Amino acid sequence: MLWLACLISALAWLAPDAVSDGFYWGVRTPTWFWLAIAVAVLHQGWVWLCWRLELHTQWVTRTFGRRGFTIYGGGFALLAFTRVGALIGLALADRGTLPVNETFLDVLATVLLAPIGYLFYSVARYFRFRRALGADHFDPSYRSKPLETRGIFRFTNNGMYIFGLLIVWLPALYAASQAALLAAAFNHIYIWVHYYCTELPDMKRIYGKSE
């Protein structure tokens, strides 16, 4: 919560200069901006809550049985798509405000598609999306599985955080949006707060090590 308070304070200080007064779908840019921030917080809050309840008390599976993980995963997916959608809406409302050559930004965004695509390919083929969602919090059988070292995971154990979250930068780059760039920075920094404050301690508890 302390890290979140610090990040929100920084956004409140930076937003007046970074967020234009545009519109998209009749919604003003500042509304899109704070919606994008709120959905990111809700998304990670949902994961934190479900993981805490299940890892420490098995409340989700005790209450919903085998449907527990499906309910958690459905909420995760809905919030994840909404998270990206809010960034797209913000970028379109704030289009053309980033004072950088737009061709350069388009090329940069297209280059980022390569590691993003390789990450999702590696997850689909080797790691599996169920495990990526945190199935090891719900199913003890995952806890004996070794760390994945194929695909993009040959290069890093943190593929989801390093490469997967590059997707949040794409709307800002393709639309040359200053406000969306700031929101993307929040999203990527905040996911690392989740990693160090939630996932890493959980991995130590589940696997007995910190990799």
N, C-alpha and C. Protein backbone atom coordinates (compact mmCIF):
# COMPACT_ATOMS: atom_id res chain seq x y z
N MET A 1 0.82 -1.21 0.00
CA MET A 1 0.00 0.00 0.00
C MET A 1 0.86 1.26 0.00
N LEU A 2 1.99 1.20 0.68
CA LEU A 2 2.89 2.36 0.71
C LEU A 2 3.42 2.66 -0.68
N TRP A 3 3.83 1.61 -1.40
CA TRP A 3 4.33 1.82 -2.76
C TRP A 3 3.22 2.38 -3.66
N LEU A 4 2.01 1.86 -3.51
CA LEU A 4 0.90 2.36 -4.32
C LEU A 4 0.63 3.82 -4.02
N ALA A 5 0.65 4.19 -2.74
CA ALA A 5 0.41 5.58 -2.36
C ALA A 5 1.48 6.49 -2.96
N CYS A 6 2.73 6.02 -2.97
CA CYS A 6 3.81 6.82 -3.56
C CYS A 6 3.62 6.99 -5.06
N LEU A 7 3.23 5.90 -5.73
CA LEU A 7 3.04 5.96 -7.18
C LEU A 7 1.86 6.86 -7.55
N ILE A 8 0.76 6.75 -6.81
CA ILE A 8 -0.40 7.59 -7.09
C ILE A 8 -0.07 9.06 -6.83
N SER A 9 0.70 9.33 -5.80
CA SER A 9 1.11 10.71 -5.52
C SER A 9 1.95 11.25 -6.67
N ALA A 10 2.86 10.43 -7.19
CA ALA A 10 3.69 10.86 -8.32
C ALA A 10 2.83 11.12 -9.55
N LEU A 11 1.83 10.27 -9.78
CA LEU A 11 0.93 10.48 -10.92
C LEU A 11 0.13 11.77 -10.77
N ALA A 12 -0.36 12.03 -9.57
CA ALA A 12 -1.13 13.25 -9.33
C ALA A 12 -0.29 14.49 -9.60
N TRP A 13 1.01 14.39 -9.35
CA TRP A 13 1.92 15.51 -9.58
C TRP A 13 2.24 15.66 -11.07
N LEU A 14 2.39 14.54 -11.78
CA LEU A 14 2.79 14.58 -13.18
C LEU A 14 1.60 14.74 -14.14
N ALA A 15 0.44 14.24 -13.75
CA ALA A 15 -0.70 14.20 -14.67
C ALA A 15 -1.13 15.55 -15.23
N PRO A 16 -1.18 16.63 -14.43
CA PRO A 16 -1.65 17.90 -15.00
C PRO A 16 -0.87 18.36 -16.23
N ASP A 17 0.43 18.05 -16.28
CA ASP A 17 1.24 18.44 -17.44
C ASP A 17 1.24 17.40 -18.54
N ALA A 18 0.89 16.16 -18.22
CA ALA A 18 1.00 15.08 -19.19
C ALA A 18 -0.32 14.73 -19.85
N VAL A 19 -1.45 15.06 -19.21
CA VAL A 19 -2.76 14.63 -19.71
C VAL A 19 -3.44 15.80 -20.42
N SER A 20 -3.76 15.59 -21.69
CA SER A 20 -4.42 16.64 -22.48
C SER A 20 -5.91 16.68 -22.18
N ASP A 21 -6.62 17.55 -22.86
CA ASP A 21 -8.07 17.68 -22.64
C ASP A 21 -8.82 17.18 -23.87
N GLY A 22 -8.43 15.98 -24.35
CA GLY A 22 -9.09 15.42 -25.52
C GLY A 22 -10.31 14.57 -25.14
N PHE A 23 -10.86 13.90 -26.15
CA PHE A 23 -12.04 13.06 -25.94
C PHE A 23 -11.91 11.79 -26.76
N TYR A 24 -12.53 10.74 -26.27
CA TYR A 24 -12.73 9.52 -27.06
C TYR A 24 -13.98 8.85 -26.55
N TRP A 25 -14.91 8.54 -27.46
CA TRP A 25 -16.22 8.00 -27.09
C TRP A 25 -16.95 8.92 -26.12
N GLY A 26 -16.71 10.22 -26.25
CA GLY A 26 -17.36 11.19 -25.39
C GLY A 26 -16.79 11.27 -23.99
N VAL A 27 -15.71 10.57 -23.74
CA VAL A 27 -15.06 10.56 -22.42
C VAL A 27 -13.78 11.37 -22.48
N ARG A 28 -13.60 12.28 -21.53
CA ARG A 28 -12.43 13.15 -21.52
C ARG A 28 -11.16 12.38 -21.17
N THR A 29 -10.05 12.89 -21.65
CA THR A 29 -8.76 12.24 -21.42
C THR A 29 -8.44 12.02 -19.95
N PRO A 30 -8.64 13.02 -19.05
CA PRO A 30 -8.33 12.76 -17.63
C PRO A 30 -9.13 11.59 -17.06
N THR A 31 -10.38 11.43 -17.52
CA THR A 31 -11.19 10.30 -17.04
C THR A 31 -10.60 8.98 -17.52
N TRP A 32 -10.21 8.93 -18.80
CA TRP A 32 -9.56 7.74 -19.32
C TRP A 32 -8.27 7.44 -18.55
N PHE A 33 -7.52 8.48 -18.23
CA PHE A 33 -6.25 8.30 -17.53
C PHE A 33 -6.46 7.63 -16.18
N TRP A 34 -7.34 8.20 -15.38
CA TRP A 34 -7.54 7.65 -14.03
C TRP A 34 -8.28 6.32 -14.07
N LEU A 35 -9.07 6.09 -15.13
CA LEU A 35 -9.69 4.78 -15.30
C LEU A 35 -8.62 3.73 -15.56
N ALA A 36 -7.64 4.06 -16.41
CA ALA A 36 -6.55 3.13 -16.71
C ALA A 36 -5.76 2.80 -15.44
N ILE A 37 -5.56 3.78 -14.59
CA ILE A 37 -4.84 3.55 -13.34
C ILE A 37 -5.69 2.69 -12.39
N ALA A 38 -6.98 3.02 -12.29
CA ALA A 38 -7.87 2.30 -11.37
C ALA A 38 -8.00 0.83 -11.76
N VAL A 39 -8.12 0.55 -13.06
CA VAL A 39 -8.27 -0.84 -13.49
C VAL A 39 -7.00 -1.63 -13.20
N ALA A 40 -5.83 -1.00 -13.38
CA ALA A 40 -4.57 -1.68 -13.05
C ALA A 40 -4.52 -2.05 -11.57
N VAL A 41 -4.96 -1.13 -10.72
CA VAL A 41 -4.96 -1.39 -9.28
C VAL A 41 -5.96 -2.49 -8.94
N LEU A 42 -7.16 -2.45 -9.55
CA LEU A 42 -8.16 -3.48 -9.31
C LEU A 42 -7.67 -4.85 -9.78
N HIS A 43 -7.02 -4.88 -10.95
CA HIS A 43 -6.52 -6.14 -11.50
C HIS A 43 -5.52 -6.79 -10.55
N GLN A 44 -4.54 -6.02 -10.12
CA GLN A 44 -3.54 -6.58 -9.23
C GLN A 44 -4.10 -6.84 -7.83
N GLY A 45 -5.08 -6.04 -7.43
CA GLY A 45 -5.74 -6.28 -6.15
C GLY A 45 -6.51 -7.59 -6.16
N TRP A 46 -7.15 -7.91 -7.29
CA TRP A 46 -7.88 -9.16 -7.44
C TRP A 46 -6.92 -10.35 -7.30
N VAL A 47 -5.77 -10.27 -7.97
CA VAL A 47 -4.79 -11.35 -7.88
C VAL A 47 -4.29 -11.49 -6.44
N TRP A 48 -3.93 -10.37 -5.85
CA TRP A 48 -3.42 -10.38 -4.46
C TRP A 48 -4.45 -11.02 -3.53
N LEU A 49 -5.71 -10.63 -3.62
CA LEU A 49 -6.74 -11.14 -2.72
C LEU A 49 -6.95 -12.63 -2.91
N CYS A 50 -7.10 -13.07 -4.17
CA CYS A 50 -7.35 -14.49 -4.43
C CYS A 50 -6.16 -15.34 -4.01
N TRP A 51 -4.96 -14.88 -4.32
CA TRP A 51 -3.77 -15.64 -3.92
C TRP A 51 -3.64 -15.73 -2.41
N ARG A 52 -3.91 -14.62 -1.72
CA ARG A 52 -3.81 -14.64 -0.26
C ARG A 52 -4.82 -15.62 0.34
N LEU A 53 -6.07 -15.52 -0.12
CA LEU A 53 -7.12 -16.37 0.43
C LEU A 53 -6.82 -17.85 0.17
N GLU A 54 -6.32 -18.16 -1.02
CA GLU A 54 -6.10 -19.56 -1.36
C GLU A 54 -4.81 -20.11 -0.75
N LEU A 55 -3.74 -19.35 -0.83
CA LEU A 55 -2.46 -19.86 -0.35
C LEU A 55 -2.46 -20.07 1.16
N HIS A 56 -3.09 -19.17 1.89
CA HIS A 56 -3.02 -19.23 3.35
C HIS A 56 -4.19 -19.96 4.00
N THR A 57 -5.36 -19.98 3.32
CA THR A 57 -6.53 -20.62 3.96
C THR A 57 -7.28 -21.57 3.03
N GLN A 58 -6.90 -21.64 1.75
CA GLN A 58 -7.62 -22.46 0.75
C GLN A 58 -9.10 -22.06 0.67
N TRP A 59 -9.42 -20.79 0.96
CA TRP A 59 -10.80 -20.36 1.01
C TRP A 59 -11.49 -20.48 -0.35
N VAL A 60 -10.77 -20.16 -1.42
CA VAL A 60 -11.40 -20.16 -2.75
C VAL A 60 -11.84 -21.57 -3.12
N THR A 61 -10.95 -22.55 -2.98
CA THR A 61 -11.31 -23.91 -3.36
C THR A 61 -12.24 -24.56 -2.33
N ARG A 62 -12.14 -24.19 -1.07
CA ARG A 62 -13.06 -24.73 -0.08
C ARG A 62 -14.49 -24.22 -0.32
N THR A 63 -14.58 -22.99 -0.82
CA THR A 63 -15.89 -22.38 -1.05
C THR A 63 -16.49 -22.77 -2.40
N PHE A 64 -15.68 -22.80 -3.44
CA PHE A 64 -16.19 -23.00 -4.79
C PHE A 64 -15.74 -24.32 -5.42
N GLY A 65 -14.92 -25.08 -4.71
CA GLY A 65 -14.45 -26.34 -5.26
C GLY A 65 -13.58 -26.15 -6.48
N ARG A 66 -13.72 -27.05 -7.47
CA ARG A 66 -12.89 -26.99 -8.68
C ARG A 66 -13.20 -25.74 -9.50
N ARG A 67 -14.36 -25.13 -9.27
CA ARG A 67 -14.70 -23.90 -10.00
C ARG A 67 -13.93 -22.69 -9.48
N GLY A 68 -13.27 -22.84 -8.33
CA GLY A 68 -12.58 -21.71 -7.71
C GLY A 68 -11.55 -21.10 -8.63
N PHE A 69 -10.72 -21.93 -9.23
CA PHE A 69 -9.68 -21.40 -10.11
C PHE A 69 -10.30 -20.77 -11.35
N THR A 70 -11.39 -21.36 -11.86
CA THR A 70 -12.07 -20.79 -13.02
C THR A 70 -12.63 -19.41 -12.71
N ILE A 71 -13.22 -19.25 -11.52
CA ILE A 71 -13.75 -17.95 -11.11
C ILE A 71 -12.62 -16.93 -11.01
N TYR A 72 -11.53 -17.35 -10.37
CA TYR A 72 -10.36 -16.46 -10.27
C TYR A 72 -9.83 -16.11 -11.66
N GLY A 73 -9.65 -17.12 -12.52
CA GLY A 73 -9.11 -16.88 -13.85
C GLY A 73 -10.02 -16.02 -14.71
N GLY A 74 -11.33 -16.20 -14.56
CA GLY A 74 -12.27 -15.37 -15.31
C GLY A 74 -12.17 -13.92 -14.90
N GLY A 75 -12.08 -13.67 -13.58
CA GLY A 75 -11.91 -12.30 -13.11
C GLY A 75 -10.60 -11.71 -13.58
N PHE A 76 -9.56 -12.53 -13.57
CA PHE A 76 -8.25 -12.08 -14.04
C PHE A 76 -8.32 -11.65 -15.50
N ALA A 77 -8.89 -12.52 -16.34
CA ALA A 77 -8.96 -12.23 -17.78
C ALA A 77 -9.79 -10.98 -18.05
N LEU A 78 -10.95 -10.87 -17.40
CA LEU A 78 -11.81 -9.70 -17.60
C LEU A 78 -11.08 -8.41 -17.25
N LEU A 79 -10.40 -8.40 -16.12
CA LEU A 79 -9.68 -7.20 -15.70
C LEU A 79 -8.46 -6.94 -16.57
N ALA A 80 -7.80 -8.00 -17.05
CA ALA A 80 -6.64 -7.83 -17.92
C ALA A 80 -7.04 -7.18 -19.24
N PHE A 81 -8.13 -7.67 -19.85
CA PHE A 81 -8.59 -7.07 -21.11
C PHE A 81 -9.08 -5.64 -20.88
N THR A 82 -9.74 -5.41 -19.77
CA THR A 82 -10.20 -4.05 -19.45
C THR A 82 -9.00 -3.13 -19.23
N ARG A 83 -7.97 -3.65 -18.63
CA ARG A 83 -6.75 -2.89 -18.37
C ARG A 83 -6.13 -2.39 -19.67
N VAL A 84 -6.00 -3.29 -20.63
CA VAL A 84 -5.45 -2.92 -21.93
C VAL A 84 -6.42 -2.01 -22.68
N GLY A 85 -7.71 -2.31 -22.59
CA GLY A 85 -8.71 -1.49 -23.27
C GLY A 85 -8.73 -0.05 -22.79
N ALA A 86 -8.56 0.13 -21.47
CA ALA A 86 -8.52 1.49 -20.92
C ALA A 86 -7.30 2.24 -21.43
N LEU A 87 -6.18 1.55 -21.58
CA LEU A 87 -4.98 2.19 -22.12
C LEU A 87 -5.18 2.58 -23.58
N ILE A 88 -5.88 1.74 -24.33
CA ILE A 88 -6.16 2.07 -25.73
C ILE A 88 -7.08 3.28 -25.81
N GLY A 89 -8.14 3.31 -24.99
CA GLY A 89 -9.03 4.46 -24.97
C GLY A 89 -8.30 5.74 -24.60
N LEU A 90 -7.42 5.65 -23.62
CA LEU A 90 -6.63 6.81 -23.21
C LEU A 90 -5.73 7.28 -24.34
N ALA A 91 -5.06 6.35 -25.00
CA ALA A 91 -4.16 6.71 -26.09
C ALA A 91 -4.90 7.40 -27.23
N LEU A 92 -6.10 6.92 -27.55
CA LEU A 92 -6.87 7.52 -28.64
C LEU A 92 -7.40 8.89 -28.26
N ALA A 93 -7.73 9.07 -26.98
CA ALA A 93 -8.21 10.38 -26.53
C ALA A 93 -7.07 11.40 -26.50
N ASP A 94 -5.86 10.91 -26.37
CA ASP A 94 -4.69 11.78 -26.18
C ASP A 94 -3.74 11.71 -27.38
N ARG A 95 -4.24 11.23 -28.50
CA ARG A 95 -3.41 10.96 -29.68
C ARG A 95 -2.62 12.19 -30.11
N GLY A 96 -1.34 11.96 -30.48
CA GLY A 96 -0.51 13.00 -31.08
C GLY A 96 0.08 14.02 -30.12
N THR A 97 0.06 13.73 -28.82
CA THR A 97 0.57 14.69 -27.84
C THR A 97 2.02 14.45 -27.47
N LEU A 98 2.58 13.32 -27.87
CA LEU A 98 3.97 13.02 -27.53
C LEU A 98 4.88 13.66 -28.57
N PRO A 99 5.76 14.58 -28.17
CA PRO A 99 6.59 15.32 -29.13
C PRO A 99 7.78 14.51 -29.64
N VAL A 100 7.48 13.39 -30.26
CA VAL A 100 8.50 12.50 -30.82
C VAL A 100 8.04 12.09 -32.21
N ASN A 101 8.99 11.91 -33.12
CA ASN A 101 8.65 11.51 -34.48
C ASN A 101 7.77 10.26 -34.47
N GLU A 102 6.61 10.34 -35.09
CA GLU A 102 5.64 9.25 -35.00
C GLU A 102 6.10 8.01 -35.77
N THR A 103 6.87 8.19 -36.83
CA THR A 103 7.40 7.02 -37.54
C THR A 103 8.35 6.23 -36.64
N PHE A 104 9.18 6.94 -35.90
CA PHE A 104 10.08 6.29 -34.95
C PHE A 104 9.27 5.51 -33.90
N LEU A 105 8.21 6.13 -33.40
CA LEU A 105 7.38 5.47 -32.39
C LEU A 105 6.70 4.23 -32.96
N ASP A 106 6.23 4.31 -34.20
CA ASP A 106 5.60 3.15 -34.83
C ASP A 106 6.59 2.00 -35.00
N VAL A 107 7.82 2.35 -35.41
CA VAL A 107 8.85 1.31 -35.59
C VAL A 107 9.20 0.68 -34.24
N LEU A 108 9.34 1.51 -33.21
CA LEU A 108 9.66 1.00 -31.88
C LEU A 108 8.57 0.06 -31.38
N ALA A 109 7.32 0.46 -31.55
CA ALA A 109 6.20 -0.38 -31.12
C ALA A 109 6.20 -1.70 -31.87
N THR A 110 6.47 -1.66 -33.16
CA THR A 110 6.48 -2.88 -33.96
C THR A 110 7.61 -3.80 -33.53
N VAL A 111 8.77 -3.23 -33.19
CA VAL A 111 9.89 -4.03 -32.69
C VAL A 111 9.51 -4.74 -31.39
N LEU A 112 8.77 -4.04 -30.53
CA LEU A 112 8.36 -4.63 -29.25
C LEU A 112 7.42 -5.82 -29.43
N LEU A 113 6.74 -5.88 -30.59
CA LEU A 113 5.84 -7.00 -30.82
C LEU A 113 6.57 -8.34 -30.86
N ALA A 114 7.86 -8.33 -31.25
CA ALA A 114 8.62 -9.58 -31.36
C ALA A 114 8.79 -10.27 -30.01
N PRO A 115 9.35 -9.59 -28.98
CA PRO A 115 9.45 -10.29 -27.68
C PRO A 115 8.10 -10.57 -27.04
N ILE A 116 7.11 -9.69 -27.27
CA ILE A 116 5.78 -9.96 -26.73
C ILE A 116 5.21 -11.23 -27.35
N GLY A 117 5.32 -11.34 -28.67
CA GLY A 117 4.82 -12.53 -29.36
C GLY A 117 5.55 -13.79 -28.93
N TYR A 118 6.88 -13.70 -28.78
CA TYR A 118 7.67 -14.86 -28.36
C TYR A 118 7.30 -15.28 -26.94
N LEU A 119 7.02 -14.30 -26.10
CA LEU A 119 6.62 -14.60 -24.72
C LEU A 119 5.30 -15.38 -24.72
N PHE A 120 4.31 -14.90 -25.44
CA PHE A 120 3.01 -15.58 -25.43
C PHE A 120 3.09 -16.94 -26.12
N TYR A 121 3.95 -17.07 -27.13
CA TYR A 121 4.18 -18.37 -27.75
C TYR A 121 4.80 -19.34 -26.74
N SER A 122 5.79 -18.86 -25.99
CA SER A 122 6.47 -19.70 -25.00
C SER A 122 5.53 -20.13 -23.89
N VAL A 123 4.66 -19.20 -23.47
CA VAL A 123 3.68 -19.54 -22.43
C VAL A 123 2.71 -20.59 -22.96
N ALA A 124 2.21 -20.39 -24.17
CA ALA A 124 1.23 -21.32 -24.74
C ALA A 124 1.82 -22.71 -24.96
N ARG A 125 3.07 -22.76 -25.40
CA ARG A 125 3.66 -24.06 -25.75
C ARG A 125 4.30 -24.77 -24.56
N TYR A 126 4.97 -24.01 -23.69
CA TYR A 126 5.76 -24.64 -22.63
C TYR A 126 5.20 -24.40 -21.22
N PHE A 127 4.99 -23.15 -20.90
CA PHE A 127 4.64 -22.80 -19.52
C PHE A 127 3.16 -23.04 -19.22
N ARG A 128 2.32 -22.82 -20.20
CA ARG A 128 0.87 -22.94 -20.14
C ARG A 128 0.26 -21.76 -19.39
N PHE A 129 -0.88 -21.30 -19.94
CA PHE A 129 -1.53 -20.12 -19.38
C PHE A 129 -2.09 -20.39 -17.98
N ARG A 130 -2.50 -21.62 -17.72
CA ARG A 130 -3.03 -21.93 -16.40
C ARG A 130 -1.96 -21.71 -15.33
N ARG A 131 -0.76 -22.16 -15.60
CA ARG A 131 0.33 -21.97 -14.65
C ARG A 131 0.70 -20.49 -14.55
N ALA A 132 0.66 -19.80 -15.69
CA ALA A 132 0.99 -18.37 -15.69
C ALA A 132 0.00 -17.57 -14.85
N LEU A 133 -1.23 -18.04 -14.75
CA LEU A 133 -2.24 -17.35 -13.95
C LEU A 133 -2.05 -17.57 -12.44
N GLY A 134 -1.18 -18.53 -12.08
CA GLY A 134 -0.95 -18.78 -10.66
C GLY A 134 -1.59 -20.05 -10.16
N ALA A 135 -1.65 -21.08 -11.04
CA ALA A 135 -2.27 -22.34 -10.64
C ALA A 135 -1.55 -23.00 -9.48
N ASP A 136 -0.27 -22.67 -9.28
CA ASP A 136 0.46 -23.29 -8.18
C ASP A 136 -0.06 -22.83 -6.81
N HIS A 137 -0.83 -21.75 -6.78
CA HIS A 137 -1.48 -21.33 -5.53
C HIS A 137 -2.70 -22.20 -5.22
N PHE A 138 -3.27 -22.83 -6.25
CA PHE A 138 -4.53 -23.56 -6.11
C PHE A 138 -4.34 -25.08 -6.17
N ASP A 139 -3.35 -25.53 -6.92
CA ASP A 139 -3.17 -26.96 -7.16
C ASP A 139 -1.78 -27.39 -6.67
N PRO A 140 -1.72 -28.17 -5.60
CA PRO A 140 -0.42 -28.58 -5.05
C PRO A 140 0.45 -29.36 -6.02
N SER A 141 -0.14 -29.98 -7.05
CA SER A 141 0.65 -30.77 -7.99
C SER A 141 1.65 -29.92 -8.76
N TYR A 142 1.35 -28.63 -8.91
CA TYR A 142 2.27 -27.75 -9.62
C TYR A 142 3.54 -27.49 -8.82
N ARG A 143 3.48 -27.70 -7.54
CA ARG A 143 4.59 -27.31 -6.67
C ARG A 143 5.79 -28.23 -6.80
N SER A 144 5.60 -29.39 -7.44
CA SER A 144 6.73 -30.29 -7.67
C SER A 144 7.31 -30.13 -9.07
N LYS A 145 6.71 -29.26 -9.87
CA LYS A 145 7.19 -29.05 -11.23
C LYS A 145 8.45 -28.18 -11.21
N PRO A 146 9.42 -28.46 -12.08
CA PRO A 146 10.63 -27.63 -12.14
C PRO A 146 10.34 -26.29 -12.81
N LEU A 147 11.22 -25.35 -12.63
CA LEU A 147 11.10 -24.07 -13.32
C LEU A 147 11.23 -24.30 -14.82
N GLU A 148 10.46 -23.56 -15.60
CA GLU A 148 10.49 -23.71 -17.06
C GLU A 148 11.74 -23.04 -17.62
N THR A 149 12.46 -23.75 -18.49
CA THR A 149 13.69 -23.20 -19.07
C THR A 149 13.68 -23.26 -20.60
N ARG A 150 12.51 -23.48 -21.18
CA ARG A 150 12.41 -23.51 -22.63
C ARG A 150 11.81 -22.22 -23.16
N GLY A 151 11.94 -22.01 -24.46
CA GLY A 151 11.42 -20.79 -25.06
C GLY A 151 12.09 -19.55 -24.49
N ILE A 152 11.31 -18.53 -24.27
CA ILE A 152 11.86 -17.28 -23.76
C ILE A 152 12.39 -17.43 -22.33
N PHE A 153 11.95 -18.49 -21.67
CA PHE A 153 12.37 -18.71 -20.29
C PHE A 153 13.80 -19.23 -20.20
N ARG A 154 14.42 -19.49 -21.35
CA ARG A 154 15.86 -19.79 -21.35
C ARG A 154 16.67 -18.57 -20.94
N PHE A 155 16.11 -17.40 -21.19
CA PHE A 155 16.86 -16.16 -20.99
C PHE A 155 16.52 -15.46 -19.67
N THR A 156 15.34 -15.72 -19.15
CA THR A 156 14.93 -15.07 -17.90
C THR A 156 13.83 -15.86 -17.22
N ASN A 157 13.83 -15.85 -15.89
CA ASN A 157 12.73 -16.46 -15.14
C ASN A 157 11.53 -15.54 -15.04
N ASN A 158 11.72 -14.27 -15.41
CA ASN A 158 10.67 -13.27 -15.26
C ASN A 158 10.13 -12.80 -16.61
N GLY A 159 9.92 -13.74 -17.50
CA GLY A 159 9.46 -13.38 -18.83
C GLY A 159 8.16 -12.61 -18.84
N MET A 160 7.22 -12.97 -17.97
CA MET A 160 5.92 -12.31 -17.95
C MET A 160 6.06 -10.83 -17.58
N TYR A 161 6.93 -10.56 -16.63
CA TYR A 161 7.06 -9.18 -16.14
C TYR A 161 7.95 -8.34 -17.05
N ILE A 162 9.00 -8.95 -17.58
CA ILE A 162 9.92 -8.19 -18.43
C ILE A 162 9.35 -7.98 -19.83
N PHE A 163 8.82 -9.05 -20.42
CA PHE A 163 8.38 -8.98 -21.80
C PHE A 163 6.85 -8.90 -21.95
N GLY A 164 6.11 -9.61 -21.13
CA GLY A 164 4.66 -9.59 -21.26
C GLY A 164 4.06 -8.21 -21.06
N LEU A 165 4.60 -7.47 -20.08
CA LEU A 165 4.05 -6.14 -19.79
C LEU A 165 4.48 -5.08 -20.79
N LEU A 166 5.34 -5.45 -21.75
CA LEU A 166 5.64 -4.50 -22.82
C LEU A 166 4.38 -4.14 -23.61
N ILE A 167 3.37 -5.00 -23.51
CA ILE A 167 2.13 -4.75 -24.24
C ILE A 167 1.46 -3.45 -23.81
N VAL A 168 1.67 -3.03 -22.56
CA VAL A 168 1.00 -1.82 -22.08
C VAL A 168 1.58 -0.56 -22.72
N TRP A 169 2.78 -0.68 -23.31
CA TRP A 169 3.40 0.48 -23.95
C TRP A 169 2.91 0.69 -25.39
N LEU A 170 2.34 -0.34 -25.99
CA LEU A 170 1.99 -0.26 -27.41
C LEU A 170 0.96 0.83 -27.74
N PRO A 171 -0.15 0.95 -26.98
CA PRO A 171 -1.10 2.02 -27.31
C PRO A 171 -0.46 3.40 -27.30
N ALA A 172 0.38 3.66 -26.29
CA ALA A 172 1.02 4.98 -26.20
C ALA A 172 1.93 5.23 -27.38
N LEU A 173 2.67 4.22 -27.81
CA LEU A 173 3.62 4.40 -28.91
C LEU A 173 2.90 4.55 -30.25
N TYR A 174 1.94 3.69 -30.51
CA TYR A 174 1.23 3.77 -31.80
C TYR A 174 0.41 5.06 -31.92
N ALA A 175 -0.11 5.56 -30.80
CA ALA A 175 -0.93 6.77 -30.85
C ALA A 175 -0.13 8.03 -30.51
N ALA A 176 1.17 7.88 -30.21
CA ALA A 176 2.00 9.02 -29.82
C ALA A 176 1.35 9.81 -28.68
N SER A 177 0.96 9.09 -27.65
CA SER A 177 0.22 9.69 -26.54
C SER A 177 1.10 9.83 -25.30
N GLN A 178 1.22 11.04 -24.83
CA GLN A 178 2.01 11.33 -23.64
C GLN A 178 1.32 10.78 -22.37
N ALA A 179 0.01 10.94 -22.29
CA ALA A 179 -0.73 10.46 -21.12
C ALA A 179 -0.69 8.94 -21.04
N ALA A 180 -0.85 8.27 -22.18
CA ALA A 180 -0.81 6.81 -22.20
C ALA A 180 0.58 6.30 -21.86
N LEU A 181 1.60 7.06 -22.23
CA LEU A 181 2.98 6.68 -21.89
C LEU A 181 3.17 6.72 -20.37
N LEU A 182 2.63 7.74 -19.74
CA LEU A 182 2.72 7.85 -18.28
C LEU A 182 1.95 6.71 -17.61
N ALA A 183 0.77 6.41 -18.13
CA ALA A 183 -0.03 5.31 -17.57
C ALA A 183 0.67 3.97 -17.77
N ALA A 184 1.33 3.80 -18.92
CA ALA A 184 2.08 2.57 -19.17
C ALA A 184 3.23 2.42 -18.19
N ALA A 185 3.92 3.53 -17.91
CA ALA A 185 5.01 3.49 -16.94
C ALA A 185 4.49 3.06 -15.57
N PHE A 186 3.34 3.60 -15.17
CA PHE A 186 2.74 3.18 -13.90
C PHE A 186 2.44 1.69 -13.92
N ASN A 187 1.83 1.21 -15.00
CA ASN A 187 1.48 -0.20 -15.10
C ASN A 187 2.71 -1.09 -14.96
N HIS A 188 3.79 -0.73 -15.63
CA HIS A 188 4.97 -1.59 -15.61
C HIS A 188 5.69 -1.52 -14.27
N ILE A 189 5.74 -0.35 -13.67
CA ILE A 189 6.36 -0.24 -12.35
C ILE A 189 5.52 -0.98 -11.31
N TYR A 190 4.22 -0.82 -11.40
CA TYR A 190 3.33 -1.41 -10.40
C TYR A 190 3.34 -2.94 -10.46
N ILE A 191 3.56 -3.51 -11.65
CA ILE A 191 3.63 -4.96 -11.74
C ILE A 191 4.86 -5.49 -11.02
N TRP A 192 5.93 -4.70 -10.99
CA TRP A 192 7.12 -5.11 -10.25
C TRP A 192 6.90 -4.99 -8.75
N VAL A 193 6.07 -4.04 -8.34
CA VAL A 193 5.68 -3.99 -6.92
C VAL A 193 4.96 -5.29 -6.56
N HIS A 194 4.07 -5.74 -7.44
CA HIS A 194 3.37 -7.01 -7.22
C HIS A 194 4.37 -8.15 -7.14
N TYR A 195 5.36 -8.15 -8.00
CA TYR A 195 6.33 -9.25 -8.01
C TYR A 195 7.09 -9.33 -6.69
N TYR A 196 7.68 -8.20 -6.28
CA TYR A 196 8.52 -8.23 -5.09
C TYR A 196 7.73 -8.34 -3.79
N CYS A 197 6.52 -7.80 -3.78
CA CYS A 197 5.74 -7.78 -2.53
C CYS A 197 4.77 -8.95 -2.41
N THR A 198 4.41 -9.58 -3.53
CA THR A 198 3.45 -10.67 -3.49
C THR A 198 4.01 -11.97 -4.06
N GLU A 199 4.42 -11.94 -5.33
CA GLU A 199 4.77 -13.20 -5.99
C GLU A 199 6.06 -13.81 -5.44
N LEU A 200 7.09 -13.02 -5.24
CA LEU A 200 8.35 -13.57 -4.76
C LEU A 200 8.20 -14.20 -3.37
N PRO A 201 7.55 -13.52 -2.41
CA PRO A 201 7.30 -14.19 -1.11
C PRO A 201 6.47 -15.46 -1.26
N ASP A 202 5.50 -15.44 -2.18
CA ASP A 202 4.67 -16.63 -2.39
C ASP A 202 5.51 -17.79 -2.93
N MET A 203 6.43 -17.50 -3.85
CA MET A 203 7.28 -18.55 -4.41
C MET A 203 8.16 -19.16 -3.33
N LYS A 204 8.63 -18.33 -2.41
CA LYS A 204 9.44 -18.86 -1.31
C LYS A 204 8.61 -19.80 -0.45
N ARG A 205 7.35 -19.44 -0.25
CA ARG A 205 6.47 -20.27 0.58
C ARG A 205 6.09 -21.56 -0.14
N ILE A 206 5.80 -21.46 -1.45
CA ILE A 206 5.33 -22.61 -2.21
C ILE A 206 6.47 -23.58 -2.54
N TYR A 207 7.59 -23.01 -3.04
CA TYR A 207 8.68 -23.86 -3.53
C TYR A 207 9.86 -23.95 -2.56
N GLY A 208 9.85 -23.08 -1.54
CA GLY A 208 10.95 -23.11 -0.60
C GLY A 208 12.22 -22.50 -1.13
N LYS A 209 12.08 -21.69 -2.21
CA LYS A 209 13.23 -20.99 -2.80
C LYS A 209 12.72 -19.76 -3.50
N SER A 210 13.64 -18.89 -3.96
CA SER A 210 13.25 -17.58 -4.44
C SER A 210 13.37 -17.40 -5.94
N GLU A 211 13.68 -18.46 -6.71
CA GLU A 211 13.87 -18.26 -8.15
C GLU A 211 12.55 -17.87 -8.80
